């Protein structure tokens, strides 16, 4: 069975930015900026094993050897709506990535995900899919999102989340043990209505200034 990989990116700058995200006094504008910056750092870690090929390039002074990313292409799929807050940061790191979207929301009574939109990049089997969702809470949305990607042809999916709960990690790895998870922080637990503690509140509401 494939290993269950959970990578907590414990860089000092990531920890600093996560603390600012948690602060209830952080403005919508700053919350968006911080989410984007953290997402870029997660993408950096999640793509460490991309294959390289050697090339030659002409500098202003001479010709020299260099490297280009080869092998699998990258597809980025934010889960609407909160995942959109991570998209810009990831694309800043990987501007040539193709982008798709999955529209999902959580039924507040059953805590189960409801899918209302799906538009994925082409050639999924040839791509490393980076699934974006700032909060991995119960894991329901992530489990369904990975399933949809697989059913559409994806062979390799990685989840990038800013905050994860142990319950969500367990649920995702039980359903899809081969999916690597990259996060900025593993929080303590879920409360009785499925919110992460200590968490940072509702990421979507804080990103877009809604209630």
N, C-alpha and C. Protein backbone atom coordinates (compact mmCIF):
# COMPACT_ATOMS: atom_id res chain seq x y z
N UNK A 1 0.85 -1.20 0.00
CA UNK A 1 0.00 0.00 0.00
C UNK A 1 0.88 1.25 0.00
N UNK A 2 0.44 2.27 -0.74
CA UNK A 2 1.20 3.52 -0.81
C UNK A 2 1.29 4.16 0.58
N UNK A 3 2.41 4.84 0.82
CA UNK A 3 2.61 5.47 2.12
C UNK A 3 1.67 6.66 2.29
N UNK A 4 1.35 6.96 3.54
CA UNK A 4 0.48 8.09 3.86
C UNK A 4 1.36 9.24 4.29
N UNK A 5 1.52 10.20 3.40
CA UNK A 5 2.47 11.28 3.62
C UNK A 5 1.75 12.54 4.08
N UNK A 6 2.19 13.08 5.21
CA UNK A 6 1.71 14.37 5.71
C UNK A 6 2.94 15.23 5.97
N UNK A 7 3.07 16.32 5.24
CA UNK A 7 4.21 17.23 5.38
C UNK A 7 3.73 18.53 5.99
N UNK A 8 4.22 18.83 7.19
CA UNK A 8 3.92 20.10 7.84
C UNK A 8 5.10 21.03 7.59
N UNK A 9 4.85 22.09 6.84
CA UNK A 9 5.92 23.02 6.46
C UNK A 9 6.16 23.98 7.61
N UNK A 10 7.19 23.69 8.39
CA UNK A 10 7.42 24.42 9.64
C UNK A 10 8.45 25.54 9.49
N UNK A 11 8.49 26.15 8.32
CA UNK A 11 9.41 27.27 8.10
C UNK A 11 9.02 28.43 9.01
N UNK A 12 9.99 29.17 9.56
CA UNK A 12 9.66 30.29 10.45
C UNK A 12 8.70 31.31 9.82
N UNK A 13 8.87 31.60 8.54
CA UNK A 13 7.98 32.56 7.90
C UNK A 13 6.56 32.01 7.76
N UNK A 14 6.44 30.71 7.52
CA UNK A 14 5.11 30.09 7.45
C UNK A 14 4.43 30.18 8.80
N UNK A 15 5.15 29.85 9.87
CA UNK A 15 4.56 29.91 11.21
C UNK A 15 4.13 31.34 11.56
N UNK A 16 4.95 32.30 11.18
CA UNK A 16 4.63 33.71 11.43
C UNK A 16 3.34 34.10 10.71
N UNK A 17 3.24 33.71 9.44
CA UNK A 17 2.07 34.11 8.65
C UNK A 17 0.80 33.38 9.11
N UNK A 18 0.94 32.13 9.53
CA UNK A 18 -0.21 31.40 10.04
C UNK A 18 -0.74 32.07 11.31
N UNK A 19 0.15 32.54 12.15
CA UNK A 19 -0.28 33.22 13.37
C UNK A 19 -1.07 34.48 13.04
N UNK A 20 -0.62 35.22 12.04
CA UNK A 20 -1.36 36.40 11.60
C UNK A 20 -2.72 36.02 11.03
N UNK A 21 -2.79 34.90 10.30
CA UNK A 21 -4.06 34.43 9.74
C UNK A 21 -5.06 34.12 10.86
N UNK A 22 -4.58 33.53 11.92
CA UNK A 22 -5.47 33.14 13.02
C UNK A 22 -6.10 34.34 13.71
N UNK A 23 -5.38 35.44 13.74
CA UNK A 23 -5.80 36.62 14.50
C UNK A 23 -7.13 37.15 13.96
N UNK A 24 -8.13 37.20 14.84
CA UNK A 24 -9.45 37.69 14.44
C UNK A 24 -9.42 39.14 13.97
N UNK A 25 -8.36 39.88 14.35
CA UNK A 25 -8.27 41.28 13.96
C UNK A 25 -7.65 41.48 12.57
N UNK A 26 -7.15 40.42 11.95
CA UNK A 26 -6.55 40.54 10.62
C UNK A 26 -7.62 40.91 9.61
N UNK A 27 -7.34 41.92 8.80
CA UNK A 27 -8.32 42.42 7.82
C UNK A 27 -8.49 41.44 6.67
N UNK A 28 -9.58 41.60 5.94
CA UNK A 28 -9.84 40.77 4.76
C UNK A 28 -8.70 40.89 3.76
N UNK A 29 -8.25 42.10 3.52
CA UNK A 29 -7.15 42.31 2.57
C UNK A 29 -5.90 41.56 3.00
N UNK A 30 -5.54 41.67 4.27
CA UNK A 30 -4.33 41.00 4.75
C UNK A 30 -4.52 39.49 4.79
N UNK A 31 -5.72 39.04 5.09
CA UNK A 31 -5.99 37.60 5.12
C UNK A 31 -5.78 37.01 3.73
N UNK A 32 -6.25 37.71 2.69
CA UNK A 32 -6.05 37.24 1.32
C UNK A 32 -4.57 37.18 0.97
N UNK A 33 -3.85 38.23 1.31
CA UNK A 33 -2.43 38.28 0.99
C UNK A 33 -1.66 37.17 1.70
N UNK A 34 -1.94 36.98 2.97
CA UNK A 34 -1.26 35.94 3.74
C UNK A 34 -1.58 34.55 3.21
N UNK A 35 -2.84 34.30 2.87
CA UNK A 35 -3.23 33.00 2.33
C UNK A 35 -2.49 32.70 1.04
N UNK A 36 -2.38 33.72 0.20
CA UNK A 36 -1.67 33.56 -1.07
C UNK A 36 -0.19 33.27 -0.85
N UNK A 37 0.42 34.00 0.07
CA UNK A 37 1.85 33.80 0.35
C UNK A 37 2.13 32.41 0.91
N UNK A 38 1.30 31.96 1.84
CA UNK A 38 1.48 30.64 2.42
C UNK A 38 1.29 29.56 1.36
N UNK A 39 0.30 29.75 0.49
CA UNK A 39 0.05 28.78 -0.57
C UNK A 39 1.26 28.63 -1.48
N UNK A 40 1.92 29.74 -1.78
CA UNK A 40 3.12 29.67 -2.61
C UNK A 40 4.21 28.86 -1.94
N UNK A 41 4.36 29.02 -0.64
CA UNK A 41 5.37 28.26 0.10
C UNK A 41 5.03 26.77 0.13
N UNK A 42 3.75 26.44 0.26
CA UNK A 42 3.34 25.04 0.23
C UNK A 42 3.60 24.43 -1.15
N UNK A 43 3.31 25.21 -2.19
CA UNK A 43 3.55 24.72 -3.55
C UNK A 43 5.03 24.46 -3.77
N UNK A 44 5.87 25.32 -3.23
CA UNK A 44 7.33 25.14 -3.32
C UNK A 44 7.73 23.79 -2.74
N UNK A 45 7.20 23.46 -1.56
CA UNK A 45 7.53 22.18 -0.93
C UNK A 45 6.93 21.00 -1.67
N UNK A 46 5.71 21.17 -2.17
CA UNK A 46 5.01 20.05 -2.81
C UNK A 46 5.59 19.68 -4.17
N UNK A 47 6.41 20.56 -4.74
CA UNK A 47 6.96 20.29 -6.08
C UNK A 47 8.47 20.04 -6.04
N UNK A 48 9.00 19.71 -4.88
CA UNK A 48 10.44 19.47 -4.75
C UNK A 48 10.94 18.33 -5.64
N UNK A 49 10.07 17.37 -5.93
CA UNK A 49 10.53 16.21 -6.68
C UNK A 49 10.18 16.26 -8.16
N UNK A 50 9.81 17.43 -8.67
CA UNK A 50 9.58 17.53 -10.11
C UNK A 50 10.87 17.22 -10.86
N UNK A 51 10.76 16.48 -11.95
CA UNK A 51 11.93 16.09 -12.72
C UNK A 51 12.49 17.28 -13.50
N UNK A 52 13.82 17.27 -13.64
CA UNK A 52 14.51 18.33 -14.38
C UNK A 52 15.24 17.73 -15.58
N UNK A 53 15.42 18.53 -16.61
CA UNK A 53 16.28 18.17 -17.73
C UNK A 53 17.25 19.32 -17.99
N UNK A 54 18.45 18.98 -18.43
CA UNK A 54 19.46 20.02 -18.67
C UNK A 54 19.22 20.70 -20.02
N UNK A 55 19.45 21.98 -20.02
CA UNK A 55 19.34 22.79 -21.24
C UNK A 55 20.52 23.75 -21.29
N UNK A 56 20.69 24.42 -22.40
CA UNK A 56 21.69 25.48 -22.50
C UNK A 56 20.99 26.81 -22.71
N UNK A 57 21.55 27.85 -22.12
CA UNK A 57 20.97 29.19 -22.24
C UNK A 57 22.08 30.19 -22.48
N UNK A 58 21.74 31.21 -23.24
CA UNK A 58 22.70 32.26 -23.56
C UNK A 58 22.52 33.41 -22.58
N UNK A 59 23.50 33.61 -21.68
CA UNK A 59 23.47 34.76 -20.78
C UNK A 59 23.98 35.98 -21.54
N UNK A 60 23.92 37.18 -20.97
CA UNK A 60 24.50 38.34 -21.64
C UNK A 60 26.01 38.23 -21.86
N UNK A 61 26.65 37.25 -21.19
CA UNK A 61 28.10 37.14 -21.29
C UNK A 61 28.59 35.86 -21.97
N UNK A 62 27.84 34.74 -21.79
CA UNK A 62 28.30 33.50 -22.39
C UNK A 62 27.19 32.46 -22.38
N UNK A 63 27.44 31.34 -23.01
CA UNK A 63 26.49 30.23 -23.01
C UNK A 63 26.79 29.34 -21.81
N UNK A 64 25.71 28.88 -21.12
CA UNK A 64 25.92 28.07 -19.93
C UNK A 64 24.82 27.02 -19.80
N UNK A 65 25.06 26.05 -18.93
CA UNK A 65 24.08 24.99 -18.69
C UNK A 65 23.03 25.47 -17.69
N UNK A 66 21.85 24.93 -17.84
CA UNK A 66 20.76 25.23 -16.90
C UNK A 66 19.80 24.07 -16.85
N UNK A 67 18.61 24.29 -16.27
CA UNK A 67 17.63 23.21 -16.11
C UNK A 67 16.23 23.71 -16.42
N UNK A 68 15.43 22.84 -16.98
CA UNK A 68 14.01 23.05 -17.17
C UNK A 68 13.26 21.91 -16.50
N UNK A 69 12.07 22.21 -16.00
CA UNK A 69 11.22 21.15 -15.47
C UNK A 69 10.76 20.27 -16.62
N UNK A 70 10.88 18.96 -16.44
CA UNK A 70 10.44 18.02 -17.47
C UNK A 70 9.46 17.04 -16.85
N UNK A 71 9.06 16.06 -17.64
CA UNK A 71 8.17 15.05 -17.10
C UNK A 71 6.75 15.58 -16.94
N UNK A 72 6.14 15.25 -15.81
CA UNK A 72 4.73 15.60 -15.61
C UNK A 72 4.52 17.11 -15.61
N UNK A 73 3.42 17.53 -16.24
CA UNK A 73 2.99 18.91 -16.16
C UNK A 73 2.17 19.07 -14.87
N UNK A 74 1.88 20.31 -14.53
CA UNK A 74 1.17 20.58 -13.28
C UNK A 74 -0.22 21.13 -13.56
N UNK A 75 -1.20 20.63 -12.85
CA UNK A 75 -2.55 21.17 -12.87
C UNK A 75 -2.92 21.63 -11.47
N UNK A 76 -3.55 22.77 -11.38
CA UNK A 76 -3.93 23.33 -10.08
C UNK A 76 -5.45 23.39 -10.02
N UNK A 77 -6.02 22.82 -8.95
CA UNK A 77 -7.48 22.75 -8.84
C UNK A 77 -7.91 23.25 -7.46
N UNK A 78 -8.30 24.52 -7.37
CA UNK A 78 -8.86 25.01 -6.10
C UNK A 78 -10.28 24.52 -5.90
N UNK A 79 -10.62 24.18 -4.65
CA UNK A 79 -11.99 23.86 -4.30
C UNK A 79 -12.70 25.16 -3.97
N UNK A 80 -13.74 25.48 -4.74
CA UNK A 80 -14.48 26.72 -4.52
C UNK A 80 -15.21 26.66 -3.18
N UNK A 81 -15.31 27.76 -2.46
CA UNK A 81 -14.78 29.03 -2.89
C UNK A 81 -13.44 29.37 -2.25
N UNK A 82 -13.20 28.81 -1.06
CA UNK A 82 -12.03 29.23 -0.28
C UNK A 82 -10.71 28.88 -0.96
N UNK A 83 -10.68 27.81 -1.76
CA UNK A 83 -9.44 27.43 -2.43
C UNK A 83 -8.93 28.48 -3.40
N UNK A 84 -9.85 29.35 -3.87
CA UNK A 84 -9.44 30.42 -4.78
C UNK A 84 -8.44 31.36 -4.10
N UNK A 85 -8.54 31.50 -2.79
CA UNK A 85 -7.62 32.37 -2.07
C UNK A 85 -6.18 31.88 -2.09
N UNK A 86 -5.96 30.62 -2.47
CA UNK A 86 -4.62 30.07 -2.55
C UNK A 86 -4.07 30.07 -3.98
N UNK A 87 -4.95 30.28 -4.95
CA UNK A 87 -4.58 30.09 -6.35
C UNK A 87 -3.47 31.03 -6.82
N UNK A 88 -3.60 32.31 -6.52
CA UNK A 88 -2.62 33.28 -7.01
C UNK A 88 -1.21 32.96 -6.50
N UNK A 89 -1.11 32.56 -5.24
CA UNK A 89 0.20 32.24 -4.69
C UNK A 89 0.84 31.04 -5.37
N UNK A 90 0.02 30.03 -5.69
CA UNK A 90 0.54 28.84 -6.37
C UNK A 90 0.96 29.19 -7.79
N UNK A 91 0.14 29.97 -8.49
CA UNK A 91 0.47 30.34 -9.87
C UNK A 91 1.69 31.26 -9.94
N UNK A 92 1.95 32.01 -8.87
CA UNK A 92 3.16 32.83 -8.84
C UNK A 92 4.40 31.94 -8.87
N UNK A 93 4.29 30.73 -8.27
CA UNK A 93 5.38 29.78 -8.27
C UNK A 93 5.43 28.96 -9.55
N UNK A 94 4.23 28.63 -10.11
CA UNK A 94 4.14 27.76 -11.28
C UNK A 94 3.22 28.42 -12.31
N UNK A 95 3.69 29.48 -12.98
CA UNK A 95 2.81 30.24 -13.86
C UNK A 95 2.31 29.49 -15.08
N UNK A 96 2.96 28.40 -15.46
CA UNK A 96 2.54 27.66 -16.65
C UNK A 96 1.52 26.58 -16.32
N UNK A 97 1.16 26.42 -15.06
CA UNK A 97 0.21 25.37 -14.67
C UNK A 97 -1.16 25.64 -15.27
N UNK A 98 -1.86 24.55 -15.64
CA UNK A 98 -3.25 24.65 -16.07
C UNK A 98 -4.14 24.67 -14.83
N UNK A 99 -5.27 25.36 -14.92
CA UNK A 99 -6.14 25.55 -13.76
C UNK A 99 -7.53 24.99 -14.04
N UNK A 100 -8.05 24.25 -13.06
CA UNK A 100 -9.44 23.82 -13.09
C UNK A 100 -10.11 24.23 -11.78
N UNK A 101 -11.40 23.95 -11.67
CA UNK A 101 -12.13 24.33 -10.46
C UNK A 101 -13.12 23.24 -10.08
N UNK A 102 -13.26 23.06 -8.77
CA UNK A 102 -14.29 22.19 -8.23
C UNK A 102 -15.14 23.00 -7.27
N UNK A 103 -16.43 23.08 -7.55
CA UNK A 103 -17.35 23.81 -6.68
C UNK A 103 -18.00 22.87 -5.69
N UNK A 104 -17.70 23.07 -4.41
CA UNK A 104 -18.25 22.20 -3.36
C UNK A 104 -18.59 23.06 -2.15
N UNK A 105 -19.61 22.64 -1.41
CA UNK A 105 -19.89 23.27 -0.12
C UNK A 105 -20.30 22.19 0.86
N UNK A 106 -20.21 22.53 2.14
CA UNK A 106 -20.53 21.56 3.18
C UNK A 106 -21.94 21.78 3.69
N UNK A 107 -22.73 20.74 3.66
CA UNK A 107 -24.06 20.78 4.26
C UNK A 107 -23.89 20.95 5.77
N UNK A 108 -24.40 22.04 6.30
CA UNK A 108 -24.16 22.37 7.71
C UNK A 108 -24.83 21.38 8.67
N UNK A 109 -25.82 20.63 8.18
CA UNK A 109 -26.49 19.67 9.05
C UNK A 109 -25.80 18.30 9.03
N UNK A 110 -25.49 17.83 7.81
CA UNK A 110 -24.87 16.50 7.69
C UNK A 110 -23.35 16.56 7.68
N UNK A 111 -22.78 17.76 7.46
CA UNK A 111 -21.34 17.99 7.33
C UNK A 111 -20.75 17.31 6.09
N UNK A 112 -21.64 16.84 5.19
CA UNK A 112 -21.18 16.17 3.98
C UNK A 112 -21.04 17.16 2.84
N UNK A 113 -20.06 16.93 1.92
CA UNK A 113 -19.86 17.86 0.80
C UNK A 113 -20.93 17.71 -0.28
N UNK A 114 -21.28 18.82 -0.88
CA UNK A 114 -22.21 18.84 -2.01
C UNK A 114 -21.47 19.44 -3.20
N UNK A 115 -21.40 18.71 -4.31
CA UNK A 115 -20.68 19.16 -5.51
C UNK A 115 -21.66 19.88 -6.43
N UNK A 116 -21.34 21.11 -6.84
CA UNK A 116 -22.21 21.85 -7.74
C UNK A 116 -21.52 22.31 -9.01
N UNK A 117 -20.19 22.13 -9.11
CA UNK A 117 -19.49 22.56 -10.33
C UNK A 117 -18.18 21.78 -10.45
N UNK A 118 -17.85 21.38 -11.69
CA UNK A 118 -16.59 20.68 -11.94
C UNK A 118 -16.08 21.03 -13.33
N UNK A 119 -14.90 21.63 -13.38
CA UNK A 119 -14.24 21.96 -14.65
C UNK A 119 -12.75 21.75 -14.45
N UNK A 120 -12.24 20.63 -14.95
CA UNK A 120 -10.87 20.23 -14.68
C UNK A 120 -9.97 20.42 -15.90
N UNK A 121 -8.65 20.56 -15.69
CA UNK A 121 -7.73 20.69 -16.82
C UNK A 121 -7.74 19.43 -17.68
N UNK A 122 -7.33 19.58 -18.93
CA UNK A 122 -7.21 18.43 -19.82
C UNK A 122 -5.97 17.62 -19.48
N UNK A 123 -5.91 16.42 -20.05
CA UNK A 123 -4.75 15.54 -19.89
C UNK A 123 -4.40 15.31 -18.42
N UNK A 124 -5.40 15.02 -17.62
CA UNK A 124 -5.16 14.85 -16.18
C UNK A 124 -4.15 13.75 -15.89
N UNK A 125 -4.16 12.70 -16.69
CA UNK A 125 -3.25 11.59 -16.44
C UNK A 125 -1.79 11.98 -16.59
N UNK A 126 -1.54 13.06 -17.33
CA UNK A 126 -0.17 13.51 -17.56
C UNK A 126 0.24 14.62 -16.61
N UNK A 127 -0.60 14.94 -15.65
CA UNK A 127 -0.32 16.08 -14.79
C UNK A 127 -0.18 15.68 -13.32
N UNK A 128 0.63 16.45 -12.61
CA UNK A 128 0.66 16.41 -11.16
C UNK A 128 -0.41 17.39 -10.69
N UNK A 129 -1.47 16.89 -10.07
CA UNK A 129 -2.59 17.74 -9.67
C UNK A 129 -2.36 18.24 -8.25
N UNK A 130 -2.38 19.56 -8.11
CA UNK A 130 -2.31 20.20 -6.79
C UNK A 130 -3.71 20.68 -6.44
N UNK A 131 -4.32 20.02 -5.49
CA UNK A 131 -5.67 20.36 -5.04
C UNK A 131 -5.55 21.37 -3.91
N UNK A 132 -6.29 22.48 -4.01
CA UNK A 132 -6.15 23.57 -3.04
C UNK A 132 -7.40 23.72 -2.19
N UNK A 133 -7.22 23.65 -0.88
CA UNK A 133 -8.31 23.88 0.07
C UNK A 133 -7.67 24.34 1.37
N UNK A 134 -7.91 25.58 1.80
CA UNK A 134 -7.16 26.10 2.95
C UNK A 134 -7.41 25.36 4.25
N UNK A 135 -8.57 24.70 4.39
CA UNK A 135 -8.91 24.00 5.64
C UNK A 135 -9.27 22.55 5.34
N UNK A 136 -8.55 21.62 5.95
CA UNK A 136 -8.92 20.21 5.89
C UNK A 136 -9.52 19.87 7.25
N UNK A 137 -10.84 19.90 7.32
CA UNK A 137 -11.54 19.73 8.60
C UNK A 137 -12.02 18.29 8.75
N UNK A 138 -13.27 18.01 8.35
CA UNK A 138 -13.77 16.64 8.41
C UNK A 138 -13.15 15.77 7.33
N UNK A 139 -12.68 16.41 6.25
CA UNK A 139 -12.08 15.68 5.14
C UNK A 139 -13.06 15.31 4.05
N UNK A 140 -14.35 15.55 4.27
CA UNK A 140 -15.35 15.15 3.29
C UNK A 140 -15.16 15.76 1.91
N UNK A 141 -14.94 17.07 1.87
CA UNK A 141 -14.76 17.74 0.58
C UNK A 141 -13.51 17.25 -0.13
N UNK A 142 -12.42 17.11 0.61
CA UNK A 142 -11.17 16.66 0.01
C UNK A 142 -11.29 15.24 -0.53
N UNK A 143 -11.95 14.35 0.21
CA UNK A 143 -12.15 12.97 -0.24
C UNK A 143 -12.92 12.95 -1.55
N UNK A 144 -14.00 13.73 -1.62
CA UNK A 144 -14.81 13.77 -2.84
C UNK A 144 -14.04 14.43 -3.99
N UNK A 145 -13.27 15.47 -3.68
CA UNK A 145 -12.51 16.16 -4.72
C UNK A 145 -11.47 15.24 -5.35
N UNK A 146 -10.78 14.47 -4.51
CA UNK A 146 -9.80 13.52 -5.04
C UNK A 146 -10.50 12.46 -5.88
N UNK A 147 -11.64 11.98 -5.41
CA UNK A 147 -12.39 10.98 -6.17
C UNK A 147 -12.77 11.50 -7.54
N UNK A 148 -13.25 12.74 -7.60
CA UNK A 148 -13.65 13.32 -8.88
C UNK A 148 -12.44 13.45 -9.81
N UNK A 149 -11.31 13.88 -9.27
CA UNK A 149 -10.10 13.99 -10.09
C UNK A 149 -9.68 12.63 -10.63
N UNK A 150 -9.73 11.61 -9.78
CA UNK A 150 -9.36 10.25 -10.21
C UNK A 150 -10.31 9.74 -11.30
N UNK A 151 -11.62 9.94 -11.08
CA UNK A 151 -12.60 9.47 -12.06
C UNK A 151 -12.45 10.19 -13.40
N UNK A 152 -11.84 11.38 -13.37
CA UNK A 152 -11.62 12.14 -14.60
C UNK A 152 -10.26 11.83 -15.23
N UNK A 153 -9.51 10.90 -14.62
CA UNK A 153 -8.26 10.45 -15.23
C UNK A 153 -6.99 10.77 -14.47
N UNK A 154 -7.07 11.53 -13.39
CA UNK A 154 -5.85 11.90 -12.66
C UNK A 154 -5.21 10.68 -12.02
N UNK A 155 -3.89 10.60 -12.11
CA UNK A 155 -3.13 9.51 -11.51
C UNK A 155 -2.31 9.97 -10.30
N UNK A 156 -2.10 11.27 -10.19
CA UNK A 156 -1.29 11.79 -9.09
C UNK A 156 -1.93 13.07 -8.57
N UNK A 157 -2.34 13.05 -7.31
CA UNK A 157 -2.99 14.21 -6.69
C UNK A 157 -2.30 14.49 -5.36
N UNK A 158 -2.03 15.76 -5.11
CA UNK A 158 -1.51 16.21 -3.82
C UNK A 158 -2.42 17.31 -3.29
N UNK A 159 -2.65 17.30 -2.00
CA UNK A 159 -3.51 18.31 -1.38
C UNK A 159 -2.66 19.35 -0.68
N UNK A 160 -2.94 20.62 -0.95
CA UNK A 160 -2.30 21.73 -0.25
C UNK A 160 -3.35 22.40 0.62
N UNK A 161 -3.15 22.37 1.94
CA UNK A 161 -4.06 23.00 2.89
C UNK A 161 -3.25 23.82 3.88
N UNK A 162 -3.78 24.96 4.29
CA UNK A 162 -3.07 25.79 5.25
C UNK A 162 -3.17 25.19 6.65
N UNK A 163 -4.40 24.87 7.07
CA UNK A 163 -4.64 24.28 8.39
C UNK A 163 -5.33 22.94 8.22
N UNK A 164 -4.86 21.92 8.92
CA UNK A 164 -5.53 20.61 8.86
C UNK A 164 -5.84 20.13 10.27
N UNK A 165 -6.90 19.34 10.37
CA UNK A 165 -7.25 18.67 11.63
C UNK A 165 -6.88 17.19 11.51
N UNK A 166 -6.48 16.55 12.60
CA UNK A 166 -6.14 15.12 12.54
C UNK A 166 -7.27 14.27 11.96
N UNK A 167 -8.52 14.65 12.27
CA UNK A 167 -9.66 13.89 11.76
C UNK A 167 -9.73 13.94 10.23
N UNK A 168 -9.45 15.12 9.67
CA UNK A 168 -9.49 15.26 8.22
C UNK A 168 -8.36 14.52 7.54
N UNK A 169 -7.18 14.57 8.14
CA UNK A 169 -6.03 13.82 7.60
C UNK A 169 -6.34 12.33 7.58
N UNK A 170 -6.89 11.82 8.67
CA UNK A 170 -7.22 10.40 8.75
C UNK A 170 -8.27 10.02 7.72
N UNK A 171 -9.29 10.86 7.55
CA UNK A 171 -10.36 10.56 6.60
C UNK A 171 -9.83 10.52 5.17
N UNK A 172 -8.98 11.49 4.82
CA UNK A 172 -8.45 11.54 3.46
C UNK A 172 -7.52 10.35 3.20
N UNK A 173 -6.66 10.04 4.16
CA UNK A 173 -5.72 8.94 3.95
C UNK A 173 -6.42 7.58 4.02
N UNK A 174 -7.51 7.47 4.75
CA UNK A 174 -8.27 6.22 4.74
C UNK A 174 -8.88 5.99 3.35
N UNK A 175 -9.37 7.05 2.74
CA UNK A 175 -10.01 6.94 1.43
C UNK A 175 -9.00 6.91 0.29
N UNK A 176 -7.93 7.70 0.42
CA UNK A 176 -6.94 7.84 -0.65
C UNK A 176 -5.54 7.85 -0.04
N UNK A 177 -5.02 6.72 0.38
CA UNK A 177 -3.74 6.69 1.11
C UNK A 177 -2.55 7.17 0.29
N UNK A 178 -2.68 7.20 -1.03
CA UNK A 178 -1.56 7.61 -1.87
C UNK A 178 -1.46 9.13 -2.04
N UNK A 179 -2.44 9.88 -1.54
CA UNK A 179 -2.45 11.34 -1.70
C UNK A 179 -1.59 11.99 -0.61
N UNK A 180 -0.56 12.69 -1.02
CA UNK A 180 0.29 13.43 -0.08
C UNK A 180 -0.40 14.72 0.34
N UNK A 181 -0.27 15.08 1.61
CA UNK A 181 -0.86 16.30 2.14
C UNK A 181 0.26 17.24 2.56
N UNK A 182 0.20 18.48 2.09
CA UNK A 182 1.15 19.51 2.47
C UNK A 182 0.38 20.61 3.19
N UNK A 183 0.79 20.92 4.41
CA UNK A 183 0.06 21.89 5.21
C UNK A 183 1.02 22.83 5.93
N UNK A 184 0.46 23.92 6.43
CA UNK A 184 1.25 24.86 7.23
C UNK A 184 1.17 24.54 8.71
N UNK A 185 0.09 23.88 9.14
CA UNK A 185 -0.04 23.56 10.56
C UNK A 185 -1.07 22.45 10.76
N UNK A 186 -0.74 21.51 11.64
CA UNK A 186 -1.70 20.49 12.08
C UNK A 186 -2.30 20.97 13.40
N UNK A 187 -3.60 21.26 13.40
CA UNK A 187 -4.26 21.76 14.59
C UNK A 187 -4.75 20.63 15.50
N UNK A 188 -5.35 21.01 16.63
CA UNK A 188 -5.64 20.05 17.69
C UNK A 188 -6.76 19.08 17.35
N UNK A 189 -7.92 19.63 16.94
CA UNK A 189 -9.11 18.78 16.78
C UNK A 189 -10.24 19.57 16.13
N UNK A 190 -11.35 18.87 15.88
CA UNK A 190 -12.59 19.51 15.44
C UNK A 190 -13.50 19.74 16.63
N UNK A 191 -14.32 20.79 16.55
CA UNK A 191 -15.34 20.95 17.60
C UNK A 191 -16.59 20.17 17.19
N UNK A 192 -17.67 20.32 17.95
CA UNK A 192 -18.85 19.48 17.71
C UNK A 192 -19.64 19.87 16.47
N UNK A 193 -19.27 20.97 15.82
CA UNK A 193 -19.93 21.31 14.55
C UNK A 193 -18.94 21.28 13.39
N UNK A 194 -17.82 20.60 13.59
CA UNK A 194 -16.90 20.35 12.49
C UNK A 194 -15.96 21.46 12.14
N UNK A 195 -15.74 22.41 13.04
CA UNK A 195 -14.76 23.48 12.81
C UNK A 195 -13.44 23.13 13.49
N UNK A 196 -12.35 23.53 12.86
CA UNK A 196 -11.02 23.21 13.38
C UNK A 196 -10.69 24.10 14.57
N UNK A 197 -10.12 23.48 15.62
CA UNK A 197 -9.65 24.20 16.81
C UNK A 197 -8.14 24.07 16.95
N UNK A 198 -7.38 25.15 17.19
CA UNK A 198 -7.87 26.51 17.36
C UNK A 198 -8.31 27.18 16.05
N UNK A 199 -7.79 26.71 14.91
CA UNK A 199 -8.27 27.16 13.62
C UNK A 199 -8.10 28.64 13.35
N UNK A 200 -8.91 29.12 12.41
CA UNK A 200 -8.88 30.55 12.07
C UNK A 200 -10.26 31.03 11.63
N UNK A 201 -11.28 30.27 12.01
CA UNK A 201 -12.63 30.64 11.62
C UNK A 201 -12.98 30.07 10.26
N UNK A 202 -13.95 30.65 9.59
CA UNK A 202 -14.35 30.23 8.25
C UNK A 202 -13.47 30.91 7.22
N UNK A 203 -12.60 30.15 6.56
CA UNK A 203 -11.63 30.73 5.64
C UNK A 203 -12.31 31.48 4.50
N UNK A 204 -13.39 30.91 3.96
CA UNK A 204 -14.10 31.57 2.87
C UNK A 204 -14.66 32.92 3.27
N UNK A 205 -15.30 32.98 4.43
CA UNK A 205 -15.86 34.23 4.91
C UNK A 205 -14.75 35.27 5.14
N UNK A 206 -13.64 34.83 5.68
CA UNK A 206 -12.56 35.78 5.98
C UNK A 206 -11.85 36.23 4.71
N UNK A 207 -11.81 35.37 3.71
CA UNK A 207 -11.18 35.75 2.43
C UNK A 207 -12.02 36.78 1.67
N UNK A 208 -13.34 36.61 1.72
CA UNK A 208 -14.21 37.42 0.87
C UNK A 208 -15.07 38.40 1.63
N UNK A 209 -14.89 38.49 2.94
CA UNK A 209 -15.59 39.49 3.73
C UNK A 209 -17.07 39.22 3.87
N UNK A 210 -17.46 37.92 3.86
CA UNK A 210 -18.86 37.55 4.00
C UNK A 210 -19.10 36.96 5.38
N UNK A 211 -20.34 36.67 5.69
CA UNK A 211 -20.70 36.08 6.98
C UNK A 211 -21.52 34.83 6.77
